[in-house]
């Protein structure tokens, strides 16, 4: 990286970090990447050459961490790759350009939805004051606007979205986006939808704990095992009363896997067996069919044996007649 020499002594020089960095980028950045970024900002004021090995030595970080950090900073738009190296991006100029372009693109739509936008702006300011102490980053405004339009949230759902992320101490953009997307996929539009979603999640959590208890999983379930349960509950619409029947059948096998249990439950779903009564009737029917088949096999085996014995006796008697018959003269 090319570094530009400043006439001032380092003792009196200052490296300024714009407030937009704290509002928009800091919450998502790890400590090591922050060290790299701040040091790059410091070095960008001076003229010279810097390389990955030098950064590794100066910051006491492994080379692979430096490489990963540079990729992260480039991806986030904090630095820009050039033929001769990298330059540190002016975040104030970048944000201003983004906001200006967004305003131009959406100006006609904003005019048509002026009344609606006024209400939305009030809500965004409420979020700003409650969760950001009045210093919310500018790009949050456009992101919130996007979530409103993309997922169809009403105002109360949007407030709950921020309240939920705040309660999880994860009020950074990536996490909020992830939760918003999850709510959108579950077709949450209003508070009734959200309440039903919470009830479903609570029910799912209880079923997971109960299954882990019944299977003796003291350390809990793996992510993949929980995914099976989510399929049984969310996709197949089964409750614990049906799932427990499948769990009891694991006693017939040693070390049964979740895949084995899943195959049982999937078969019931494919047969459209929805209730414990239907499942038990199906199992009784299969048990009876197996018993009848076994009896039939025994009967066939018996008849085959008797027929074979009868044939052998006939052959024996036939041989005796031939042997005892007088010879022709």
Protein backbone atom coordinates (compact mmCIF):
# COMPACT_ATOMS: atom_id res chain seq x y z
CA UNK A 1 0.00 0.00 0.00
CA UNK A 2 1.28 3.47 -0.87
CA UNK A 3 1.59 5.69 2.19
CA UNK A 4 1.82 9.45 2.10
CA UNK A 5 4.27 11.33 4.31
CA UNK A 6 2.87 14.06 6.53
CA UNK A 7 5.08 16.97 7.60
CA UNK A 8 3.73 16.85 11.15
CA UNK A 9 5.43 14.73 13.75
CA UNK A 10 3.52 11.64 14.90
CA UNK A 11 3.51 13.15 18.36
CA UNK A 12 1.20 15.97 17.22
CA UNK A 13 -0.68 14.19 14.41
CA UNK A 14 -4.24 12.87 14.79
CA UNK A 15 -6.02 10.04 13.04
CA UNK A 16 -9.71 10.83 12.82
CA UNK A 17 -12.39 8.15 12.62
CA UNK A 18 -15.72 9.43 11.23
CA UNK A 19 -18.82 8.92 13.35
CA UNK A 20 -20.47 7.04 10.49
CA UNK A 21 -18.01 4.20 11.19
CA UNK A 22 -19.29 3.80 14.75
CA UNK A 23 -22.92 4.00 13.63
CA UNK A 24 -22.71 1.65 10.65
CA UNK A 25 -19.71 -0.69 10.81
CA UNK A 26 -18.33 -1.16 14.33
CA UNK A 27 -20.96 -3.55 15.70
CA UNK A 28 -20.28 -6.20 13.04
CA UNK A 29 -16.49 -6.06 13.26
CA UNK A 30 -14.30 -8.40 15.29
CA UNK A 31 -11.51 -7.04 17.49
CA UNK A 32 -8.73 -8.25 15.18
CA UNK A 33 -10.34 -6.70 12.11
CA UNK A 34 -10.84 -3.45 14.02
CA UNK A 35 -7.12 -3.39 14.84
CA UNK A 36 -6.28 -3.86 11.18
CA UNK A 37 -8.69 -1.13 10.02
CA UNK A 38 -7.55 1.47 12.56
CA UNK A 39 -3.91 0.77 11.76
CA UNK A 40 -4.60 1.13 8.04
CA UNK A 41 -6.27 4.48 8.68
CA UNK A 42 -3.20 5.55 10.62
CA UNK A 43 -0.81 4.39 7.90
CA UNK A 44 -2.86 5.93 5.08
CA UNK A 45 -1.66 9.39 6.13
CA UNK A 46 1.96 8.56 5.35
CA UNK A 47 3.93 7.81 2.22
CA UNK A 48 5.65 4.42 1.95
CA UNK A 49 5.16 0.73 1.33
CA UNK A 50 3.40 -1.74 3.59
CA UNK A 51 2.75 -5.45 3.13
CA UNK A 52 0.95 -8.30 4.84
CA UNK A 53 4.05 -9.50 6.69
CA UNK A 54 4.69 -6.01 8.08
CA UNK A 55 1.07 -5.77 9.27
CA UNK A 56 1.39 -9.17 10.90
CA UNK A 57 4.47 -8.11 12.83
CA UNK A 58 3.19 -4.65 13.77
CA UNK A 59 -0.19 -5.88 15.00
CA UNK A 60 1.02 -9.20 16.45
CA UNK A 61 -1.55 -11.07 14.39
CA UNK A 62 -1.11 -14.23 12.27
CA UNK A 63 -0.75 -13.69 8.53
CA UNK A 64 -3.95 -15.63 7.81
CA UNK A 65 -5.84 -13.29 10.16
CA UNK A 66 -4.44 -10.28 8.30
CA UNK A 67 -5.51 -11.78 4.96
CA UNK A 68 -9.00 -12.59 6.24
CA UNK A 69 -9.28 -9.12 7.77
CA UNK A 70 -8.32 -7.43 4.50
CA UNK A 71 -10.93 -9.49 2.64
CA UNK A 72 -13.56 -8.53 5.21
CA UNK A 73 -12.72 -4.82 5.04
CA UNK A 74 -12.83 -4.93 1.25
CA UNK A 75 -16.18 -6.76 1.28
CA UNK A 76 -17.65 -4.18 3.68
CA UNK A 77 -16.43 -1.34 1.47
CA UNK A 78 -14.03 0.07 4.05
CA UNK A 79 -11.01 -0.33 1.80
CA UNK A 80 -10.73 -0.44 -1.97
CA UNK A 81 -8.32 -2.62 -3.94
CA UNK A 82 -6.10 -0.89 -6.48
CA UNK A 83 -3.33 -2.16 -8.76
CA UNK A 84 -0.67 -0.81 -6.42
CA UNK A 85 -2.40 -1.92 -3.21
CA UNK A 86 -5.36 -0.60 -1.22
CA UNK A 87 -6.82 2.75 -0.27
CA UNK A 88 -8.94 3.55 2.76
CA UNK A 89 -12.43 4.59 1.66
CA UNK A 90 -13.84 7.95 2.72
CA UNK A 91 -16.92 6.71 4.58
CA UNK A 92 -18.58 10.13 4.77
CA UNK A 93 -18.37 10.61 1.02
CA UNK A 94 -19.48 7.02 0.36
CA UNK A 95 -22.55 7.33 2.60
CA UNK A 96 -23.49 10.69 1.13
CA UNK A 97 -23.33 9.28 -2.42
CA UNK A 98 -25.43 6.26 -1.46
CA UNK A 99 -28.09 8.40 0.16
CA UNK A 100 -28.18 10.77 -2.78
CA UNK A 101 -28.56 7.93 -5.30
CA UNK A 102 -31.27 6.32 -3.20
CA UNK A 103 -33.13 9.60 -2.99
CA UNK A 104 -33.02 10.06 -6.79
CA UNK A 105 -34.22 6.52 -7.47
CA UNK A 106 -37.11 6.67 -5.05
CA UNK A 107 -38.16 10.31 -5.42
CA UNK A 108 -41.23 9.61 -7.58
CA UNK A 109 -42.44 6.81 -5.31
CA UNK A 110 -41.91 8.96 -2.24
CA UNK A 111 -44.10 11.71 -3.67
CA UNK A 112 -46.94 9.27 -4.34
CA UNK A 113 -46.68 7.82 -0.82
CA UNK A 114 -46.07 11.07 1.01
CA UNK A 115 -48.68 10.54 3.75
CA UNK A 116 -47.53 7.00 4.36
CA UNK A 117 -43.90 8.09 4.47
CA UNK A 118 -44.60 10.71 7.12
CA UNK A 119 -45.93 8.01 9.44
CA UNK A 120 -42.99 5.80 8.63
CA UNK A 121 -40.50 8.58 9.32
CA UNK A 122 -42.10 9.10 12.73
CA UNK A 123 -41.66 5.42 13.50
CA UNK A 124 -38.04 5.40 12.36
CA UNK A 125 -37.31 8.39 14.55
CA UNK A 126 -38.93 6.53 17.45
CA UNK A 127 -36.61 3.58 16.82
CA UNK A 128 -33.67 5.95 16.55
CA UNK A 129 -34.38 7.58 19.91
CA UNK A 130 -35.29 4.39 21.79
CA UNK A 131 -32.60 2.01 20.58
CA UNK A 132 -29.79 4.24 19.21
CA UNK A 133 -29.91 7.21 21.59
CA UNK A 134 -30.64 9.45 18.60
CA UNK A 135 -27.45 8.57 16.68
CA UNK A 136 -28.71 5.84 14.32
CA UNK A 137 -26.58 5.50 11.17
CA UNK A 138 -28.08 7.00 7.99
CA UNK A 139 -28.24 3.70 6.10
CA UNK A 140 -30.50 2.23 8.79
CA UNK A 141 -33.25 4.50 7.44
CA UNK A 142 -33.16 2.95 3.99
CA UNK A 143 -32.83 -0.58 5.42
CA UNK A 144 -35.90 -0.16 7.63
CA UNK A 145 -37.77 1.23 4.65
CA UNK A 146 -36.75 -1.83 2.64
CA UNK A 147 -37.91 -4.25 5.36
CA UNK A 148 -41.29 -2.53 5.47
CA UNK A 149 -41.77 -2.94 1.73
CA UNK A 150 -40.15 -6.36 1.28
CA UNK A 151 -41.79 -8.21 4.18
CA UNK A 152 -44.98 -6.20 4.60
CA UNK A 153 -44.47 -5.58 8.32
CA UNK A 154 -46.81 -3.20 10.06
CA UNK A 155 -45.43 -0.65 12.52
CA UNK A 156 -45.94 -2.78 15.63
CA UNK A 157 -44.07 -5.72 14.09
CA UNK A 158 -41.17 -3.43 13.18
CA UNK A 159 -41.00 -2.17 16.77
CA UNK A 160 -41.05 -5.76 18.03
CA UNK A 161 -38.28 -6.65 15.60
CA UNK A 162 -35.94 -4.06 17.09
CA UNK A 163 -37.08 -4.83 20.63
CA UNK A 164 -36.33 -8.53 20.12
CA UNK A 165 -32.84 -7.90 18.71
CA UNK A 166 -32.12 -5.35 21.45
CA UNK A 167 -33.12 -7.89 24.12
CA UNK A 168 -30.65 -10.33 22.57
CA UNK A 169 -27.86 -7.69 22.74
CA UNK A 170 -27.53 -8.07 18.97
CA UNK A 171 -28.74 -4.79 17.55
CA UNK A 172 -26.46 -4.87 14.54
CA UNK A 173 -27.63 -4.90 10.96
CA UNK A 174 -26.74 -8.47 10.00
CA UNK A 175 -28.65 -9.93 12.94
CA UNK A 176 -31.67 -7.68 12.47
CA UNK A 177 -31.73 -8.61 8.77
CA UNK A 178 -31.58 -12.32 9.64
CA UNK A 179 -34.50 -12.07 12.08
CA UNK A 180 -36.51 -9.92 9.66
CA UNK A 181 -35.98 -12.49 6.91
CA UNK A 182 -37.07 -15.32 9.22
CA UNK A 183 -40.24 -13.44 10.15
CA UNK A 184 -40.87 -12.69 6.49
CA UNK A 185 -40.54 -16.36 5.55
CA UNK A 186 -43.08 -17.18 8.27
CA UNK A 187 -45.46 -14.61 6.74
CA UNK A 188 -45.60 -12.36 9.77
CA UNK A 189 -47.39 -9.15 8.91
CA UNK A 190 -49.08 -8.01 12.12
CA UNK A 191 -49.11 -8.65 15.86
CA UNK A 192 -51.53 -11.57 15.58
CA UNK A 193 -49.16 -13.28 13.15
CA UNK A 194 -46.25 -12.58 15.46
CA UNK A 195 -48.07 -13.94 18.50
CA UNK A 196 -48.96 -17.16 16.66
CA UNK A 197 -45.33 -17.46 15.55
CA UNK A 198 -44.08 -17.10 19.14
CA UNK A 199 -46.59 -19.71 20.33
CA UNK A 200 -45.40 -22.09 17.63
CA UNK A 201 -41.76 -21.51 18.57
CA UNK A 202 -42.53 -22.09 22.24
CA UNK A 203 -44.36 -25.33 21.39
CA UNK A 204 -41.45 -26.45 19.21
CA UNK A 205 -38.94 -25.75 21.98
CA UNK A 206 -40.96 -27.80 24.49
CA UNK A 207 -41.18 -30.72 22.06
CA UNK A 208 -37.41 -30.62 21.46
CA UNK A 209 -36.70 -30.69 25.19
CA UNK A 210 -39.18 -33.51 25.78
CA UNK A 211 -37.71 -35.62 22.96
CA UNK A 212 -34.18 -35.07 24.26
CA UNK A 213 -35.36 -36.15 27.72
CA UNK A 214 -37.11 -39.28 26.44
CA UNK A 215 -34.04 -40.30 24.43
CA UNK A 216 -31.72 -39.63 27.36
CA UNK A 217 -29.82 -36.84 25.60
CA UNK A 218 -28.52 -35.00 28.65
CA UNK A 219 -26.31 -32.76 26.54
CA UNK A 220 -29.19 -31.79 24.28
CA UNK A 221 -29.72 -32.38 20.59
CA UNK A 222 -27.49 -31.54 17.67
CA UNK A 223 -28.43 -28.94 15.07
CA UNK A 224 -29.22 -31.67 12.56
CA UNK A 225 -31.42 -33.58 15.01
CA UNK A 226 -33.34 -30.40 15.79
CA UNK A 227 -33.83 -29.89 12.05
CA UNK A 228 -35.57 -33.29 11.87
CA UNK A 229 -37.91 -32.28 14.69
CA UNK A 230 -38.70 -28.96 13.02
CA UNK A 231 -39.72 -30.89 9.91
CA UNK A 232 -42.01 -33.18 11.93
CA UNK A 233 -43.66 -30.26 13.71
CA UNK A 234 -43.64 -27.45 11.15
CA UNK A 235 -43.98 -29.37 7.88
CA UNK A 236 -45.80 -32.56 8.88
CA UNK A 237 -47.85 -30.79 11.60
CA UNK A 238 -47.32 -33.58 14.14
CA UNK A 239 -47.43 -32.99 17.89
CA UNK A 240 -45.65 -34.96 20.59
CA UNK A 241 -48.46 -37.52 20.90
CA UNK A 242 -47.69 -38.87 17.42
CA UNK A 243 -43.91 -38.41 17.61
CA UNK A 244 -43.80 -40.32 20.89
CA UNK A 245 -45.25 -43.42 19.20
CA UNK A 246 -42.28 -43.37 16.82
CA UNK A 247 -39.87 -42.87 19.73
CA UNK A 248 -41.25 -45.95 21.51
CA UNK A 249 -40.50 -48.04 18.43
CA UNK A 250 -36.79 -47.25 18.86
CA UNK A 251 -36.76 -49.77 21.71
CA UNK A 252 -36.89 -52.46 19.04
CA UNK A 253 -33.46 -51.42 17.78
CA UNK A 254 -30.05 -50.87 19.34
CA UNK A 255 -28.60 -47.37 18.94
CA UNK A 256 -31.42 -46.02 16.76
CA UNK A 257 -30.57 -42.89 14.76
CA UNK A 258 -32.74 -39.86 14.10
CA UNK A 259 -32.77 -40.92 10.46
CA UNK A 260 -34.48 -44.17 11.52
CA UNK A 261 -37.10 -42.22 13.50
CA UNK A 262 -37.51 -39.78 10.62
CA UNK A 263 -38.15 -42.61 8.16
CA UNK A 264 -40.95 -43.91 10.39
CA UNK A 265 -42.61 -40.49 10.76
CA UNK A 266 -42.13 -39.64 7.09
CA UNK A 267 -43.89 -42.88 6.15
CA UNK A 268 -46.86 -41.95 8.37
CA UNK A 269 -47.01 -38.51 6.80
CA UNK A 270 -46.89 -40.00 3.28
CA UNK A 271 -49.82 -42.25 4.27
CA UNK A 272 -51.70 -39.18 5.60
CA UNK A 273 -51.92 -40.57 9.13
CA UNK A 274 -52.61 -37.46 11.20
CA UNK A 275 -53.66 -38.62 14.70
CA UNK A 276 -52.42 -41.16 17.28
CA UNK A 277 -55.59 -43.22 16.68
CA UNK A 278 -54.89 -43.46 12.95
CA UNK A 279 -51.25 -44.34 13.56
CA UNK A 280 -52.09 -47.05 16.13
CA UNK A 281 -54.75 -48.52 13.84
CA UNK A 282 -52.21 -48.64 11.03
CA UNK A 283 -49.64 -50.34 13.29
CA UNK A 284 -52.22 -52.89 14.48
CA UNK A 285 -53.18 -53.60 10.89
CA UNK A 286 -49.55 -54.15 9.93
CA UNK A 287 -49.06 -56.36 12.99
CA UNK A 288 -52.09 -58.46 12.00
CA UNK A 289 -50.89 -58.67 8.40
CA UNK A 290 -47.48 -59.84 9.59
CA UNK A 291 -49.12 -62.44 11.83
CA UNK A 292 -51.40 -63.66 9.05
CA UNK A 293 -48.45 -63.85 6.66
CA UNK A 294 -46.48 -65.85 9.18
CA UNK A 295 -49.39 -68.27 9.72
CA UNK A 296 -49.84 -68.63 5.96
CA UNK A 297 -46.16 -69.39 5.53
CA UNK A 298 -46.37 -72.04 8.25
CA UNK A 299 -49.45 -73.61 6.60
CA UNK A 300 -47.81 -73.64 3.19
CA UNK A 301 -44.70 -75.21 4.68
CA UNK A 302 -46.79 -77.87 6.43
CA UNK A 303 -48.78 -78.72 3.31
CA UNK A 304 -45.61 -78.90 1.26
CA UNK A 305 -44.07 -81.28 3.79
CA UNK A 306 -47.16 -83.52 3.86
CA UNK A 307 -47.37 -83.59 0.07
CA UNK A 308 -43.71 -84.46 -0.17
CA UNK A 309 -44.15 -87.30 2.38
CA UNK A 310 -47.20 -88.66 0.54
CA UNK A 311 -45.30 -88.63 -2.76
CA UNK A 312 -42.39 -90.48 -1.22
CA UNK A 313 -44.71 -93.21 0.21
CA UNK A 314 -46.41 -93.70 -3.16
CA UNK A 315 -43.05 -94.09 -4.78
CA UNK A 316 -42.04 -96.60 -2.09
CA UNK A 317 -45.19 -98.69 -2.54
CA UNK A 318 -44.76 -98.55 -6.30
CA UNK A 319 -41.25 -99.92 -5.99
CA UNK A 320 -42.42 -102.77 -3.72
CA UNK A 321 -45.07 -103.86 -6.24
CA UNK A 322 -42.57 -103.92 -8.99
CA UNK A 323 -40.07 -105.87 -6.94
CA UNK A 324 -42.64 -108.40 -5.63
CA UNK A 325 -44.41 -109.02 -8.94
CA UNK A 326 -43.90 -112.52 -10.53
CA UNK A 327 -41.74 -112.62 -13.58
CA UNK A 328 -43.43 -113.26 -16.89
CA UNK A 329 -42.92 -116.69 -18.45
